[in-house]
Amino acid sequence: MGERKLYGSIIITYRCNAKCNMCQRFQNPSKPEEEISIDTIKKLPEMDFTNITGGEPFIRTDIKEIVRELYKKTNRIVISTNGFFTDRIIDLCKEFPKIGIRISIEGLKETNDTIRGIPDGFDRGYNTLKTLVEMGHPDVGFGMTVQDMNCKDLVPLYNLSNELNMEFATATLHNSFYFVKKDNKIADKLMVAKEFENLINELLKSKSPKKWFRAYFNHGLINYIYEQPRLLPCEMADDAFFVDPYGDVMPCNGLKDKLSMGNLNDNTWDEIWNSKQAKDIRSCVKKCDRNCWMIGSVSPAMKKRIWIPAMWVLKHKIKGNKYSIYENKFIKKNIEK
């Protein structure tokens, strides 16, 4: 077995019990009989990191078998979930005590339940988090997709994560085939950017180097909101990949239209990864102008070019952990328009 380097995201279902305002995937679900099988999962390559996502992954009743198979070929697994199926999540974590769980919470109670369209969604998700913490589960956190409706809850949610001693991940609105959305948009960019600024300063003040680098990631989200070029190159389809519920191996989930390098139901991994189709798609990725800033593509890019975020962190540590959105000249220009 060679060194495990790849980052894999496996979308095991497009079925979802949430009706999020920034994602219409629930209107375009996959059928259970079409979804990626254990036999197909066995064909995946060795990976350093695997994200299991959806839809809502815990809708699949065979998720234990999926996790068991993936652990044979990956160093770390994190599952992205809305946290609704508490009993299933707790049961899985008892069998796999090292698995990561990231629950999507879009704000405090009223805001979250409005955005995600799940009655009592906040309470269900929060209680799942608390139960995992009480169990002593080591890899727990929640994530938030920041938009106009919930940006004022950004720092309060971060503070809540600190109280529970857990990870806090962020994203912002994107449009793509994956979200089945074309009209996601931040209306008040300056307001949202200022809330990210507040979060970045909180992260920089912490004693955790991991949070300092997370501050850089959030700086990149401001950059993305203002439609600026990416701070780091995207090398999806080289360092990382997605597989959808139908077995198609894709460069990412951020494209306007789905691109497939090949189908894992029909071919081996090596046949797909080394194919002319894959080579052509890598060329498309290098020319891609969407400038997405999602953790799936940014995390490997940050590790590969660690000196770039490290210098940014050092600069702001020297400044006394102070960050201002007005360091970004494009924000000043935007205000002056």
Protein backbone atom coordinates (compact mmCIF):
# COMPACT_ATOMS: atom_id res chain seq x y z
CA MET A 1 0.00 0.00 0.00
CA GLY A 2 1.38 3.40 -1.04
CA GLU A 3 1.05 6.65 0.84
CA ARG A 4 -2.55 7.74 1.23
CA LYS A 5 -2.87 11.26 -0.21
CA LEU A 6 -6.27 11.60 -1.86
CA TYR A 7 -9.25 13.45 -0.38
CA GLY A 8 -12.49 11.70 -1.28
CA SER A 9 -16.08 12.90 -0.86
CA ILE A 10 -18.67 10.18 -1.26
CA ILE A 11 -22.25 11.36 -1.79
CA ILE A 12 -24.06 8.21 -0.71
CA THR A 13 -27.59 9.54 -1.33
CA TYR A 14 -29.45 12.53 -2.71
CA ARG A 15 -32.44 11.79 -0.47
CA CYS A 16 -32.91 14.40 2.25
CA ASN A 17 -35.45 15.18 4.95
CA ALA A 18 -34.47 18.89 5.04
CA LYS A 19 -35.84 21.58 2.74
CA CYS A 20 -33.03 24.13 2.89
CA ASN A 21 -33.51 27.49 1.19
CA MET A 22 -30.00 27.35 -0.32
CA CYS A 23 -30.30 23.78 -1.65
CA GLN A 24 -33.08 22.23 -3.72
CA ARG A 25 -31.57 18.74 -3.74
CA PHE A 26 -34.56 17.39 -1.78
CA GLN A 27 -36.66 18.00 -4.91
CA ASN A 28 -34.28 15.83 -6.95
CA PRO A 29 -33.61 12.76 -4.78
CA SER A 30 -31.92 9.57 -5.85
CA LYS A 31 -33.83 6.28 -5.66
CA PRO A 32 -32.57 3.74 -3.09
CA GLU A 33 -32.05 1.07 -5.74
CA GLU A 34 -29.85 3.44 -7.80
CA GLU A 35 -27.52 4.45 -4.97
CA ILE A 36 -23.88 3.45 -4.71
CA SER A 37 -23.51 -0.09 -3.41
CA ILE A 38 -21.02 -1.67 -1.02
CA ASP A 39 -19.47 -3.53 -3.98
CA THR A 40 -18.85 -0.22 -5.75
CA ILE A 41 -17.47 1.38 -2.57
CA LYS A 42 -14.96 -1.48 -2.41
CA LYS A 43 -13.51 -0.18 -5.70
CA LEU A 44 -12.56 3.21 -4.25
CA PRO A 45 -8.84 4.04 -3.90
CA GLU A 46 -6.72 4.48 -0.78
CA MET A 47 -7.43 7.89 0.76
CA ASP A 48 -6.03 10.13 3.45
CA PHE A 49 -9.45 11.61 4.21
CA THR A 50 -13.02 10.68 3.30
CA ASN A 51 -16.14 12.78 3.72
CA ILE A 52 -19.44 10.91 3.64
CA THR A 53 -22.17 13.31 2.59
CA GLY A 54 -25.55 13.57 0.90
CA GLY A 55 -28.44 14.44 0.82
CA GLU A 56 -28.77 13.18 4.36
CA PRO A 57 -26.38 10.20 4.78
CA PHE A 58 -28.22 8.73 7.77
CA ILE A 59 -31.28 8.08 5.59
CA ARG A 60 -29.31 5.07 4.31
CA THR A 61 -29.93 2.10 6.57
CA ASP A 62 -26.65 0.45 5.51
CA ILE A 63 -24.43 3.35 6.60
CA LYS A 64 -22.61 1.11 9.09
CA GLU A 65 -21.56 -1.22 6.30
CA ILE A 66 -20.43 1.75 4.21
CA VAL A 67 -18.31 3.12 7.07
CA ARG A 68 -16.87 -0.31 7.83
CA GLU A 69 -15.77 -0.72 4.20
CA LEU A 70 -14.33 2.79 3.90
CA TYR A 71 -12.25 2.40 7.06
CA LYS A 72 -10.29 -0.32 5.24
CA LYS A 73 -8.98 2.28 2.77
CA THR A 74 -8.91 5.68 4.50
CA ASN A 75 -7.14 7.29 7.45
CA ARG A 76 -10.01 9.47 8.59
CA ILE A 77 -13.77 9.66 7.96
CA VAL A 78 -16.07 12.59 8.65
CA ILE A 79 -19.83 12.41 8.05
CA SER A 80 -21.80 15.56 7.21
CA THR A 81 -25.36 15.35 8.54
CA ASN A 82 -28.28 17.50 9.68
CA GLY A 83 -28.28 15.59 12.98
CA PHE A 84 -31.96 14.68 12.85
CA PHE A 85 -31.52 10.91 13.20
CA THR A 86 -30.00 11.04 16.68
CA ASP A 87 -30.35 7.33 17.54
CA ARG A 88 -28.71 6.22 14.28
CA ILE A 89 -25.82 8.67 14.76
CA ILE A 90 -25.20 7.62 18.37
CA ASP A 91 -25.37 3.95 17.43
CA LEU A 92 -22.80 4.44 14.64
CA CYS A 93 -20.45 6.40 16.92
CA LYS A 94 -20.52 3.63 19.53
CA GLU A 95 -19.24 1.16 16.94
CA PHE A 96 -16.81 3.63 15.32
CA PRO A 97 -15.48 5.83 18.15
CA LYS A 98 -12.99 7.70 15.92
CA ILE A 99 -15.43 8.78 13.24
CA GLY A 100 -15.99 12.52 12.74
CA ILE A 101 -19.51 13.93 12.88
CA ARG A 102 -20.31 17.41 11.50
CA ILE A 103 -23.87 18.57 12.03
CA SER A 104 -25.24 21.38 9.88
CA ILE A 105 -26.77 24.13 12.03
CA GLU A 106 -27.67 27.34 10.22
CA GLY A 107 -28.16 29.66 13.17
CA LEU A 108 -29.90 29.82 16.50
CA LYS A 109 -33.21 28.00 16.85
CA GLU A 110 -35.64 30.19 14.91
CA THR A 111 -33.16 31.04 12.14
CA ASN A 112 -31.99 27.45 11.70
CA ASP A 113 -35.49 25.99 11.53
CA THR A 114 -36.57 28.62 9.00
CA ILE A 115 -33.57 28.03 6.73
CA ARG A 116 -33.51 24.23 6.92
CA GLY A 117 -37.25 23.60 6.93
CA ILE A 118 -37.13 20.85 9.56
CA PRO A 119 -39.54 21.28 12.49
CA ASP A 120 -37.47 21.24 15.72
CA GLY A 121 -34.36 20.83 13.55
CA PHE A 122 -32.20 22.97 15.83
CA ASP A 123 -33.23 21.07 18.96
CA ARG A 124 -32.66 17.71 17.26
CA GLY A 125 -29.24 18.70 15.94
CA TYR A 126 -28.12 20.40 19.15
CA ASN A 127 -29.25 17.47 21.31
CA THR A 128 -27.33 15.09 19.05
CA LEU A 129 -24.21 17.24 19.50
CA LYS A 130 -24.64 17.39 23.27
CA THR A 131 -25.16 13.63 23.51
CA LEU A 132 -21.97 12.98 21.53
CA VAL A 133 -20.03 15.39 23.77
CA GLU A 134 -21.39 13.70 26.90
CA MET A 135 -20.31 10.34 25.45
CA GLY A 136 -16.80 11.73 25.14
CA HIS A 137 -16.81 11.31 21.38
CA PRO A 138 -13.54 12.92 20.23
CA ASP A 139 -14.41 14.31 16.77
CA VAL A 140 -17.62 16.33 16.89
CA GLY A 141 -18.56 19.67 15.40
CA PHE A 142 -21.08 21.63 13.49
CA GLY A 143 -21.06 23.62 10.31
CA MET A 144 -22.91 26.69 9.09
CA THR A 145 -23.60 27.99 5.59
CA VAL A 146 -23.52 31.76 6.07
CA GLN A 147 -26.03 33.98 4.27
CA ASP A 148 -27.87 37.27 4.91
CA MET A 149 -30.53 35.54 7.03
CA ASN A 150 -28.14 33.99 9.55
CA CYS A 151 -24.90 35.99 9.53
CA LYS A 152 -25.71 37.70 12.85
CA ASP A 153 -25.72 34.22 14.45
CA LEU A 154 -22.19 33.44 13.23
CA VAL A 155 -20.22 34.49 16.33
CA PRO A 156 -22.91 33.27 18.79
CA LEU A 157 -22.72 29.83 17.17
CA TYR A 158 -18.93 29.89 17.31
CA ASN A 159 -19.16 30.73 21.02
CA LEU A 160 -21.56 27.83 21.47
CA SER A 161 -19.03 25.52 19.81
CA ASN A 162 -16.39 26.74 22.25
CA GLU A 163 -18.65 26.05 25.24
CA LEU A 164 -19.12 22.50 23.98
CA ASN A 165 -15.41 22.22 23.04
CA MET A 166 -16.12 21.19 19.48
CA GLU A 167 -15.19 22.06 15.91
CA PHE A 168 -16.95 24.88 14.06
CA ALA A 169 -16.89 24.88 10.25
CA THR A 170 -18.18 27.52 7.87
CA ALA A 171 -19.26 27.87 4.25
CA THR A 172 -21.25 30.40 2.27
CA LEU A 173 -23.77 30.28 -0.56
CA HIS A 174 -22.77 28.52 -3.76
CA ASN A 175 -24.64 27.66 -6.94
CA SER A 176 -24.05 24.34 -8.67
CA PHE A 177 -25.63 21.19 -10.06
CA TYR A 178 -25.09 19.63 -6.63
CA PHE A 179 -27.28 22.17 -4.82
CA VAL A 180 -29.67 22.34 -7.80
CA LYS A 181 -29.54 26.13 -7.43
CA LYS A 182 -28.66 29.01 -9.74
CA ASP A 183 -29.91 31.99 -7.75
CA ASN A 184 -28.14 31.79 -4.38
CA LYS A 185 -26.83 35.28 -3.67
CA ILE A 186 -25.55 37.37 -0.77
CA ALA A 187 -27.59 40.58 -0.96
CA ASP A 188 -25.72 42.64 1.65
CA LYS A 189 -22.10 41.66 1.10
CA LEU A 190 -20.68 44.24 3.50
CA MET A 191 -22.92 43.13 6.37
CA VAL A 192 -21.97 39.47 5.88
CA ALA A 193 -18.27 40.34 5.46
CA LYS A 194 -18.30 42.27 8.74
CA GLU A 195 -19.73 39.24 10.57
CA PHE A 196 -16.96 37.10 9.07
CA GLU A 197 -14.48 39.76 10.24
CA ASN A 198 -15.80 39.36 13.80
CA LEU A 199 -15.41 35.58 13.58
CA ILE A 200 -11.88 35.84 12.14
CA ASN A 201 -10.80 38.06 15.03
CA GLU A 202 -12.25 35.59 17.53
CA LEU A 203 -10.37 32.74 15.84
CA LEU A 204 -7.09 34.68 15.78
CA LYS A 205 -7.40 35.43 19.52
CA SER A 206 -7.71 31.75 20.40
CA LYS A 207 -4.78 29.65 21.58
CA SER A 208 -5.36 27.03 18.89
CA PRO A 209 -3.14 27.12 15.75
CA LYS A 210 -5.86 25.13 13.99
CA LYS A 211 -8.27 28.03 14.58
CA TRP A 212 -5.71 30.52 13.26
CA PHE A 213 -5.67 28.63 9.97
CA ARG A 214 -9.46 28.46 10.06
CA ALA A 215 -9.36 32.27 10.26
CA TYR A 216 -7.52 32.24 6.92
CA PHE A 217 -10.21 29.98 5.45
CA ASN A 218 -12.90 32.45 6.53
CA HIS A 219 -10.85 35.30 5.03
CA GLY A 220 -11.11 33.31 1.79
CA LEU A 221 -14.91 33.18 2.14
CA ILE A 222 -15.02 37.01 2.18
CA ASN A 223 -12.87 36.94 -0.94
CA TYR A 224 -15.33 34.52 -2.58
CA ILE A 225 -18.42 36.56 -1.62
CA TYR A 226 -16.89 39.52 -3.46
CA GLU A 227 -16.29 37.32 -6.53
CA GLN A 228 -12.50 37.62 -6.38
CA PRO A 229 -9.99 35.04 -7.72
CA ARG A 230 -9.22 32.18 -5.35
CA LEU A 231 -6.46 32.74 -2.82
CA LEU A 232 -5.05 29.28 -3.62
CA PRO A 233 -5.16 27.18 -6.81
CA CYS A 234 -7.89 24.58 -7.17
CA GLU A 235 -6.52 21.11 -7.90
CA MET A 236 -9.69 19.06 -7.70
CA ALA A 237 -9.44 15.91 -9.81
CA ASP A 238 -5.73 15.77 -8.89
CA ASP A 239 -5.69 15.82 -5.09
CA ALA A 240 -9.39 15.26 -4.46
CA PHE A 241 -12.57 13.93 -6.01
CA PHE A 242 -16.28 13.36 -5.49
CA VAL A 243 -18.35 10.27 -6.21
CA ASP A 244 -22.10 10.75 -6.60
CA PRO A 245 -24.83 8.27 -5.59
CA TYR A 246 -24.88 6.87 -9.13
CA GLY A 247 -21.18 5.94 -9.08
CA ASP A 248 -19.92 8.80 -11.26
CA VAL A 249 -16.42 10.03 -10.32
CA MET A 250 -16.45 13.83 -10.49
CA PRO A 251 -13.83 16.53 -9.95
CA CYS A 252 -16.00 18.40 -7.46
CA ASN A 253 -19.51 19.47 -6.45
CA GLY A 254 -19.12 23.14 -7.36
CA LEU A 255 -19.54 23.09 -11.13
CA LYS A 256 -22.55 24.50 -12.97
CA ASP A 257 -23.00 21.18 -14.77
CA LYS A 258 -21.95 17.73 -13.67
CA LEU A 259 -18.72 16.38 -15.20
CA SER A 260 -17.90 12.68 -14.91
CA MET A 261 -14.50 11.06 -15.36
CA GLY A 262 -16.18 7.67 -15.52
CA ASN A 263 -18.55 5.42 -13.63
CA LEU A 264 -17.25 3.24 -10.82
CA ASN A 265 -20.06 0.73 -11.28
CA ASP A 266 -18.68 -0.11 -14.72
CA ASN A 267 -14.92 0.46 -14.40
CA THR A 268 -12.02 0.07 -11.99
CA TRP A 269 -10.64 3.10 -10.18
CA ASP A 270 -7.38 3.02 -12.15
CA GLU A 271 -9.24 2.86 -15.47
CA ILE A 272 -11.21 5.98 -14.53
CA TRP A 273 -8.46 7.99 -12.81
CA ASN A 274 -5.95 7.44 -15.64
CA SER A 275 -8.41 7.79 -18.53
CA LYS A 276 -8.37 10.38 -21.31
CA GLN A 277 -11.71 11.62 -19.97
CA ALA A 278 -10.11 12.29 -16.57
CA LYS A 279 -7.20 14.07 -18.23
CA ASP A 280 -9.59 16.28 -20.20
CA ILE A 281 -11.54 17.13 -17.05
CA ARG A 282 -8.33 18.08 -15.22
CA SER A 283 -7.66 20.54 -18.04
CA CYS A 284 -11.18 21.96 -17.54
CA VAL A 285 -10.56 22.36 -13.81
CA LYS A 286 -7.37 24.33 -14.47
CA LYS A 287 -9.38 26.76 -16.63
CA CYS A 288 -12.36 26.91 -14.26
CA ASP A 289 -13.33 30.48 -13.32
CA ARG A 290 -15.94 29.75 -10.64
CA ASN A 291 -13.45 30.48 -7.82
CA CYS A 292 -15.31 28.22 -5.36
CA TRP A 293 -14.08 28.31 -1.77
CA MET A 294 -15.32 25.11 -0.13
CA ILE A 295 -13.45 23.07 2.42
CA GLY A 296 -13.22 20.05 0.11
CA SER A 297 -10.96 21.88 -2.32
CA VAL A 298 -9.38 24.38 0.06
CA SER A 299 -8.16 22.00 2.77
CA PRO A 300 -5.80 20.02 0.49
CA ALA A 301 -4.67 23.27 -1.16
CA MET A 302 -3.81 24.79 2.23
CA LYS A 303 -1.82 21.73 3.26
CA LYS A 304 0.03 21.64 -0.05
CA ARG A 305 0.97 25.34 0.16
CA ILE A 306 1.04 25.69 3.92
CA TRP A 307 3.46 28.64 3.80
CA ILE A 308 0.78 30.90 2.23
CA PRO A 309 -1.82 30.65 5.04
CA ALA A 310 1.06 30.47 7.57
CA MET A 311 2.42 33.85 6.41
CA TRP A 312 -1.09 35.33 6.56
CA VAL A 313 -1.49 34.03 10.13
CA LEU A 314 1.95 35.34 11.15
CA LYS A 315 1.16 38.78 9.72
CA HIS A 316 -2.02 39.00 11.79
CA LYS A 317 -0.44 37.61 14.94
CA ILE A 318 2.19 40.37 14.67
CA LYS A 319 -0.68 42.87 14.31
CA GLY A 320 -1.99 41.73 17.69
CA ASN A 321 -4.59 39.29 16.32
CA LYS A 322 -6.31 42.09 14.43
CA TYR A 323 -8.00 41.59 11.06
CA SER A 324 -10.00 44.12 9.09
CA ILE A 325 -12.09 43.49 5.99
CA TYR A 326 -10.70 46.77 4.64
CA GLU A 327 -7.34 45.09 4.15
CA ASN A 328 -9.07 43.84 1.01
CA LYS A 329 -8.91 46.67 -1.53
CA PHE A 330 -11.83 45.26 -3.48
CA ILE A 331 -14.15 45.99 -0.53
CA LYS A 332 -13.14 49.66 -0.52
CA LYS A 333 -13.73 49.83 -4.28
CA ASN A 334 -17.12 48.14 -3.86
CA ILE A 335 -18.20 50.72 -1.26
CA GLU A 336 -17.04 53.61 -3.44
CA LYS A 337 -19.15 52.50 -6.40
